[in-house]
């Protein structure tokens, strides 16, 4: 089973210069959700809500040529800051699916921002 978990906002489409219409759906499959729960048990909480939040209001985004994925990054607060990276890829049918969700270390995130691989949407995310 697959559900619509979000859409590509005009801000993300423009920031990454994507050749897709604003409002293009991002889908989440049951198998991917199970992968996230079992492979990344350190991510605690309502996984669907976390994924939807990252897509709706990312702190930063990236376009990864290596695996043709679109990255969404978000800074969260829970006593201290932590960062999550969500990967979205296109299927052979042109549908966009969440592929994985995992923690990313602040140092790695900062390095990728400095190298221009991640574009911050929320400049306060790394303060």
N, C-alpha and C. Protein backbone atom coordinates (compact mmCIF):
# COMPACT_ATOMS: atom_id res chain seq x y z
N UNK A 1 0.84 -1.18 0.00
CA UNK A 1 0.00 0.00 0.00
C UNK A 1 0.89 1.25 0.00
N UNK A 2 0.44 2.25 -0.68
CA UNK A 2 1.18 3.50 -0.81
C UNK A 2 0.27 4.66 -0.45
N UNK A 3 0.84 5.67 0.21
CA UNK A 3 0.07 6.85 0.57
C UNK A 3 0.80 8.11 0.14
N UNK A 4 0.06 9.17 -0.09
CA UNK A 4 0.64 10.48 -0.37
C UNK A 4 1.06 11.06 0.97
N UNK A 5 2.35 11.37 1.10
CA UNK A 5 2.87 11.87 2.37
C UNK A 5 3.21 13.36 2.29
N UNK A 6 3.25 13.90 1.07
CA UNK A 6 3.56 15.31 0.89
C UNK A 6 3.61 15.68 -0.58
N UNK A 7 3.97 16.92 -0.84
CA UNK A 7 4.12 17.41 -2.20
C UNK A 7 5.40 18.25 -2.30
N UNK A 8 5.87 18.43 -3.51
CA UNK A 8 6.99 19.34 -3.75
C UNK A 8 6.45 20.76 -3.74
N UNK A 9 6.93 21.57 -2.81
CA UNK A 9 6.50 22.96 -2.70
C UNK A 9 7.16 23.80 -3.79
N UNK A 10 6.60 24.96 -4.03
CA UNK A 10 7.19 25.87 -5.02
C UNK A 10 8.59 26.29 -4.57
N UNK A 11 8.80 26.42 -3.27
CA UNK A 11 10.10 26.81 -2.75
C UNK A 11 11.17 25.75 -3.04
N UNK A 12 10.84 24.48 -2.83
CA UNK A 12 11.79 23.40 -3.09
C UNK A 12 12.05 23.28 -4.59
N UNK A 13 11.00 23.33 -5.39
CA UNK A 13 11.14 23.23 -6.85
C UNK A 13 12.04 24.36 -7.36
N UNK A 14 11.81 25.59 -6.90
CA UNK A 14 12.59 26.74 -7.36
C UNK A 14 14.03 26.68 -6.83
N UNK A 15 14.20 26.32 -5.57
CA UNK A 15 15.53 26.28 -4.96
C UNK A 15 16.44 25.30 -5.68
N UNK A 16 15.89 24.12 -6.02
CA UNK A 16 16.70 23.10 -6.68
C UNK A 16 16.60 23.13 -8.21
N UNK A 17 15.80 24.06 -8.73
CA UNK A 17 15.59 24.18 -10.18
C UNK A 17 15.13 22.84 -10.77
N UNK A 18 14.16 22.23 -10.09
CA UNK A 18 13.64 20.94 -10.52
C UNK A 18 12.73 21.10 -11.73
N UNK A 19 12.77 20.13 -12.60
CA UNK A 19 11.92 20.13 -13.79
C UNK A 19 10.65 19.30 -13.53
N UNK A 20 9.97 19.66 -12.45
CA UNK A 20 8.70 19.01 -12.11
C UNK A 20 7.72 20.08 -11.66
N UNK A 21 6.44 19.84 -11.82
CA UNK A 21 5.47 20.85 -11.39
C UNK A 21 5.39 20.97 -9.86
N UNK A 22 5.20 22.19 -9.39
CA UNK A 22 4.88 22.39 -7.98
C UNK A 22 3.64 21.58 -7.67
N UNK A 23 3.62 20.95 -6.52
CA UNK A 23 2.46 20.14 -6.14
C UNK A 23 2.59 18.67 -6.51
N UNK A 24 3.70 18.31 -7.16
CA UNK A 24 3.92 16.89 -7.49
C UNK A 24 3.94 16.09 -6.19
N UNK A 25 3.22 14.99 -6.17
CA UNK A 25 3.07 14.19 -4.96
C UNK A 25 4.34 13.41 -4.61
N UNK A 26 4.56 13.28 -3.32
CA UNK A 26 5.61 12.43 -2.79
C UNK A 26 4.91 11.29 -2.06
N UNK A 27 5.26 10.07 -2.42
CA UNK A 27 4.58 8.89 -1.92
C UNK A 27 5.45 8.15 -0.90
N UNK A 28 4.77 7.45 0.01
CA UNK A 28 5.43 6.63 1.00
C UNK A 28 4.81 5.24 0.95
N UNK A 29 5.65 4.24 0.74
CA UNK A 29 5.15 2.85 0.70
C UNK A 29 5.27 2.23 2.08
N UNK A 30 4.47 1.22 2.32
CA UNK A 30 4.51 0.49 3.59
C UNK A 30 5.89 -0.14 3.77
N UNK A 31 6.47 -0.67 2.69
CA UNK A 31 7.78 -1.33 2.81
C UNK A 31 8.87 -0.32 3.20
N UNK A 32 8.80 0.89 2.70
CA UNK A 32 9.79 1.91 3.07
C UNK A 32 9.60 2.32 4.52
N UNK A 33 8.36 2.48 4.94
CA UNK A 33 8.09 2.82 6.33
C UNK A 33 8.63 1.74 7.27
N UNK A 34 8.44 0.49 6.90
CA UNK A 34 8.96 -0.62 7.71
C UNK A 34 10.49 -0.61 7.70
N UNK A 35 11.10 -0.31 6.55
CA UNK A 35 12.56 -0.20 6.47
C UNK A 35 13.07 0.85 7.44
N UNK A 36 12.42 2.00 7.46
CA UNK A 36 12.84 3.09 8.35
C UNK A 36 12.72 2.66 9.80
N UNK A 37 11.62 2.04 10.15
CA UNK A 37 11.40 1.62 11.54
C UNK A 37 12.41 0.57 12.00
N UNK A 38 12.74 -0.37 11.11
CA UNK A 38 13.65 -1.45 11.51
C UNK A 38 15.12 -1.09 11.34
N UNK A 39 15.45 -0.36 10.29
CA UNK A 39 16.87 -0.03 10.02
C UNK A 39 17.35 1.19 10.77
N UNK A 40 16.43 2.04 11.20
CA UNK A 40 16.81 3.28 11.89
C UNK A 40 15.97 3.43 13.17
N UNK A 41 16.12 2.47 14.10
CA UNK A 41 15.29 2.50 15.31
C UNK A 41 15.58 3.68 16.23
N UNK A 42 16.69 4.39 15.97
CA UNK A 42 17.02 5.56 16.78
C UNK A 42 16.11 6.75 16.48
N UNK A 43 15.34 6.67 15.41
CA UNK A 43 14.37 7.72 15.09
C UNK A 43 13.09 7.36 15.84
N UNK A 44 12.80 8.14 16.85
CA UNK A 44 11.69 7.84 17.74
C UNK A 44 10.53 8.78 17.43
N UNK A 45 9.32 8.24 17.47
CA UNK A 45 8.13 9.06 17.29
C UNK A 45 7.27 8.54 16.15
N UNK A 46 6.31 9.34 15.78
CA UNK A 46 5.39 9.00 14.70
C UNK A 46 6.11 9.25 13.37
N UNK A 47 6.59 8.19 12.75
CA UNK A 47 7.41 8.30 11.54
C UNK A 47 6.68 9.03 10.41
N UNK A 48 5.41 8.75 10.23
CA UNK A 48 4.65 9.43 9.17
C UNK A 48 4.63 10.94 9.41
N UNK A 49 4.38 11.33 10.65
CA UNK A 49 4.32 12.76 10.98
C UNK A 49 5.68 13.42 10.80
N UNK A 50 6.74 12.73 11.18
CA UNK A 50 8.09 13.27 11.02
C UNK A 50 8.40 13.47 9.54
N UNK A 51 8.10 12.46 8.72
CA UNK A 51 8.36 12.55 7.28
C UNK A 51 7.56 13.70 6.66
N UNK A 52 6.29 13.79 6.99
CA UNK A 52 5.44 14.87 6.46
C UNK A 52 5.98 16.24 6.87
N UNK A 53 6.44 16.36 8.11
CA UNK A 53 6.98 17.63 8.61
C UNK A 53 8.24 18.02 7.85
N UNK A 54 9.12 17.06 7.61
CA UNK A 54 10.37 17.35 6.88
C UNK A 54 10.05 17.82 5.46
N UNK A 55 9.10 17.18 4.80
CA UNK A 55 8.74 17.56 3.43
C UNK A 55 8.07 18.93 3.41
N UNK A 56 7.20 19.19 4.37
CA UNK A 56 6.45 20.45 4.41
C UNK A 56 7.33 21.65 4.75
N UNK A 57 8.26 21.46 5.68
CA UNK A 57 9.08 22.59 6.15
C UNK A 57 10.53 22.17 6.34
N UNK A 58 11.23 21.87 5.24
CA UNK A 58 12.63 21.45 5.38
C UNK A 58 13.53 22.61 5.81
N UNK A 59 14.60 22.27 6.54
CA UNK A 59 15.62 23.27 6.88
C UNK A 59 16.55 23.48 5.69
N UNK A 60 16.68 22.44 4.86
CA UNK A 60 17.54 22.51 3.69
C UNK A 60 17.19 21.41 2.71
N UNK A 61 17.68 21.56 1.49
CA UNK A 61 17.41 20.58 0.44
C UNK A 61 18.68 20.36 -0.39
N UNK A 62 18.69 19.23 -1.10
CA UNK A 62 19.83 18.94 -1.97
C UNK A 62 19.38 18.11 -3.16
N UNK A 63 20.19 18.14 -4.18
CA UNK A 63 19.99 17.31 -5.36
C UNK A 63 21.26 16.48 -5.50
N UNK A 64 21.12 15.17 -5.32
CA UNK A 64 22.28 14.28 -5.35
C UNK A 64 22.35 13.58 -6.70
N UNK A 65 23.32 13.97 -7.49
CA UNK A 65 23.51 13.40 -8.82
C UNK A 65 23.88 11.93 -8.73
N UNK A 66 24.67 11.57 -7.72
CA UNK A 66 25.19 10.21 -7.56
C UNK A 66 24.09 9.15 -7.60
N UNK A 67 23.00 9.39 -6.89
CA UNK A 67 21.92 8.41 -6.86
C UNK A 67 20.58 8.99 -7.33
N UNK A 68 20.65 10.14 -8.00
CA UNK A 68 19.45 10.79 -8.55
C UNK A 68 18.37 10.99 -7.50
N UNK A 69 18.79 11.40 -6.30
CA UNK A 69 17.81 11.60 -5.24
C UNK A 69 17.72 13.07 -4.86
N UNK A 70 16.62 13.39 -4.24
CA UNK A 70 16.37 14.73 -3.71
C UNK A 70 16.38 14.59 -2.20
N UNK A 71 17.22 15.37 -1.55
CA UNK A 71 17.33 15.29 -0.10
C UNK A 71 16.59 16.42 0.58
N UNK A 72 15.92 16.09 1.65
CA UNK A 72 15.25 17.06 2.50
C UNK A 72 15.90 16.92 3.88
N UNK A 73 16.27 18.03 4.51
CA UNK A 73 16.94 18.02 5.79
C UNK A 73 16.16 18.86 6.77
N UNK A 74 16.15 18.42 8.02
CA UNK A 74 15.39 19.18 9.02
C UNK A 74 16.11 19.12 10.35
N UNK A 75 16.14 20.26 11.02
CA UNK A 75 16.68 20.38 12.36
C UNK A 75 15.53 20.23 13.35
N UNK A 76 15.70 19.38 14.33
CA UNK A 76 14.69 19.18 15.37
C UNK A 76 15.29 19.51 16.73
N UNK A 77 14.44 19.85 17.67
CA UNK A 77 14.84 20.12 19.05
C UNK A 77 14.15 19.12 19.96
N UNK A 78 14.93 18.50 20.82
CA UNK A 78 14.39 17.61 21.83
C UNK A 78 15.36 17.62 23.00
N UNK A 79 15.47 18.78 23.63
CA UNK A 79 16.49 18.96 24.66
C UNK A 79 17.82 19.41 24.04
N UNK A 80 18.11 18.92 22.86
CA UNK A 80 19.26 19.35 22.08
C UNK A 80 18.89 19.24 20.60
N UNK A 81 19.70 19.84 19.76
CA UNK A 81 19.42 19.78 18.32
C UNK A 81 19.84 18.44 17.74
N UNK A 82 19.04 17.95 16.81
CA UNK A 82 19.45 16.80 16.00
C UNK A 82 18.90 16.99 14.60
N UNK A 83 19.49 16.30 13.64
CA UNK A 83 19.19 16.52 12.23
C UNK A 83 18.79 15.21 11.56
N UNK A 84 17.76 15.30 10.71
CA UNK A 84 17.32 14.14 9.96
C UNK A 84 17.40 14.44 8.47
N UNK A 85 17.74 13.42 7.71
CA UNK A 85 17.82 13.52 6.25
C UNK A 85 16.82 12.54 5.65
N UNK A 86 16.01 13.04 4.75
CA UNK A 86 15.00 12.25 4.05
C UNK A 86 15.38 12.21 2.57
N UNK A 87 15.39 11.03 1.99
CA UNK A 87 15.75 10.88 0.58
C UNK A 87 14.51 10.51 -0.23
N UNK A 88 14.32 11.19 -1.36
CA UNK A 88 13.20 10.96 -2.27
C UNK A 88 13.77 10.69 -3.65
N UNK A 89 13.25 9.65 -4.31
CA UNK A 89 13.69 9.33 -5.67
C UNK A 89 12.50 9.08 -6.57
N UNK A 90 12.73 9.28 -7.85
CA UNK A 90 11.71 9.04 -8.86
C UNK A 90 11.74 7.57 -9.30
N UNK A 91 10.55 7.02 -9.50
CA UNK A 91 10.45 5.66 -10.03
C UNK A 91 10.52 5.71 -11.56
N UNK A 92 10.56 4.54 -12.17
CA UNK A 92 10.58 4.48 -13.64
C UNK A 92 9.28 5.03 -14.24
N UNK A 93 8.24 5.12 -13.43
CA UNK A 93 6.95 5.67 -13.89
C UNK A 93 6.84 7.18 -13.64
N UNK A 94 7.92 7.76 -13.09
CA UNK A 94 7.91 9.19 -12.83
C UNK A 94 7.23 9.58 -11.53
N UNK A 95 6.97 8.61 -10.66
CA UNK A 95 6.39 8.90 -9.35
C UNK A 95 7.53 9.08 -8.36
N UNK A 96 7.34 9.95 -7.38
CA UNK A 96 8.38 10.25 -6.40
C UNK A 96 8.06 9.56 -5.09
N UNK A 97 9.02 8.76 -4.61
CA UNK A 97 8.85 7.97 -3.41
C UNK A 97 9.90 8.31 -2.36
N UNK A 98 9.48 8.34 -1.09
CA UNK A 98 10.44 8.40 0.01
C UNK A 98 11.22 7.10 -0.04
N UNK A 99 12.55 7.18 0.07
CA UNK A 99 13.39 5.98 0.04
C UNK A 99 13.96 5.66 1.41
N UNK A 100 14.34 6.69 2.17
CA UNK A 100 14.86 6.42 3.51
C UNK A 100 14.85 7.69 4.34
N UNK A 101 15.01 7.51 5.62
CA UNK A 101 15.09 8.60 6.59
C UNK A 101 16.13 8.18 7.62
N UNK A 102 17.07 9.07 7.91
CA UNK A 102 18.09 8.74 8.90
C UNK A 102 18.68 10.00 9.50
N UNK A 103 19.40 9.81 10.61
CA UNK A 103 20.11 10.92 11.26
C UNK A 103 21.29 11.33 10.40
N UNK A 104 21.62 12.61 10.47
CA UNK A 104 22.84 13.12 9.85
C UNK A 104 23.56 13.97 10.90
N UNK A 105 24.85 13.75 11.03
CA UNK A 105 25.62 14.49 12.02
C UNK A 105 25.75 15.95 11.62
N UNK A 106 25.74 16.81 12.62
CA UNK A 106 25.82 18.25 12.37
C UNK A 106 27.06 18.62 11.54
N UNK A 107 28.22 18.02 11.88
CA UNK A 107 29.45 18.33 11.16
C UNK A 107 29.35 17.97 9.68
N UNK A 108 28.75 16.83 9.39
CA UNK A 108 28.58 16.40 8.00
C UNK A 108 27.62 17.35 7.27
N UNK A 109 26.55 17.73 7.96
CA UNK A 109 25.58 18.67 7.38
C UNK A 109 26.25 20.01 7.09
N UNK A 110 27.02 20.52 8.06
CA UNK A 110 27.71 21.80 7.87
C UNK A 110 28.68 21.74 6.69
N UNK A 111 29.41 20.63 6.58
CA UNK A 111 30.36 20.47 5.47
C UNK A 111 29.64 20.48 4.13
N UNK A 112 28.50 19.79 4.05
CA UNK A 112 27.75 19.74 2.79
C UNK A 112 27.12 21.10 2.45
N UNK A 113 26.76 21.88 3.47
CA UNK A 113 26.26 23.24 3.23
C UNK A 113 27.41 24.10 2.71
N UNK A 114 28.55 24.02 3.38
CA UNK A 114 29.73 24.81 2.97
C UNK A 114 30.15 24.48 1.54
N UNK A 115 30.08 23.20 1.16
CA UNK A 115 30.47 22.78 -0.19
C UNK A 115 29.39 23.03 -1.23
N UNK A 116 28.25 23.56 -0.81
CA UNK A 116 27.18 23.87 -1.74
C UNK A 116 26.32 22.68 -2.12
N UNK A 117 26.50 21.56 -1.44
CA UNK A 117 25.72 20.37 -1.77
C UNK A 117 24.33 20.40 -1.14
N UNK A 118 24.21 21.15 -0.05
CA UNK A 118 22.92 21.37 0.59
C UNK A 118 22.64 22.86 0.57
N UNK A 119 21.45 23.22 0.19
CA UNK A 119 21.03 24.62 0.19
C UNK A 119 20.09 24.80 1.38
N UNK A 120 20.47 25.72 2.28
CA UNK A 120 19.61 25.97 3.43
C UNK A 120 18.40 26.80 3.03
N UNK A 121 17.26 26.40 3.49
CA UNK A 121 16.03 27.17 3.34
C UNK A 121 15.79 27.96 4.62
N UNK A 122 16.10 27.34 5.74
CA UNK A 122 15.98 27.96 7.05
C UNK A 122 17.40 28.21 7.57
N UNK A 123 17.86 29.43 7.42
CA UNK A 123 19.24 29.78 7.80
C UNK A 123 19.50 29.56 9.28
N UNK A 124 18.47 29.58 10.11
CA UNK A 124 18.67 29.42 11.56
C UNK A 124 18.88 27.97 11.96
N UNK A 125 18.78 27.04 11.02
CA UNK A 125 18.89 25.62 11.33
C UNK A 125 20.25 25.23 11.88
N UNK A 126 21.28 25.95 11.53
CA UNK A 126 22.64 25.60 11.99
C UNK A 126 23.20 26.58 13.01
N UNK A 127 22.34 27.34 13.63
CA UNK A 127 22.82 28.31 14.66
C UNK A 127 23.02 27.59 15.96
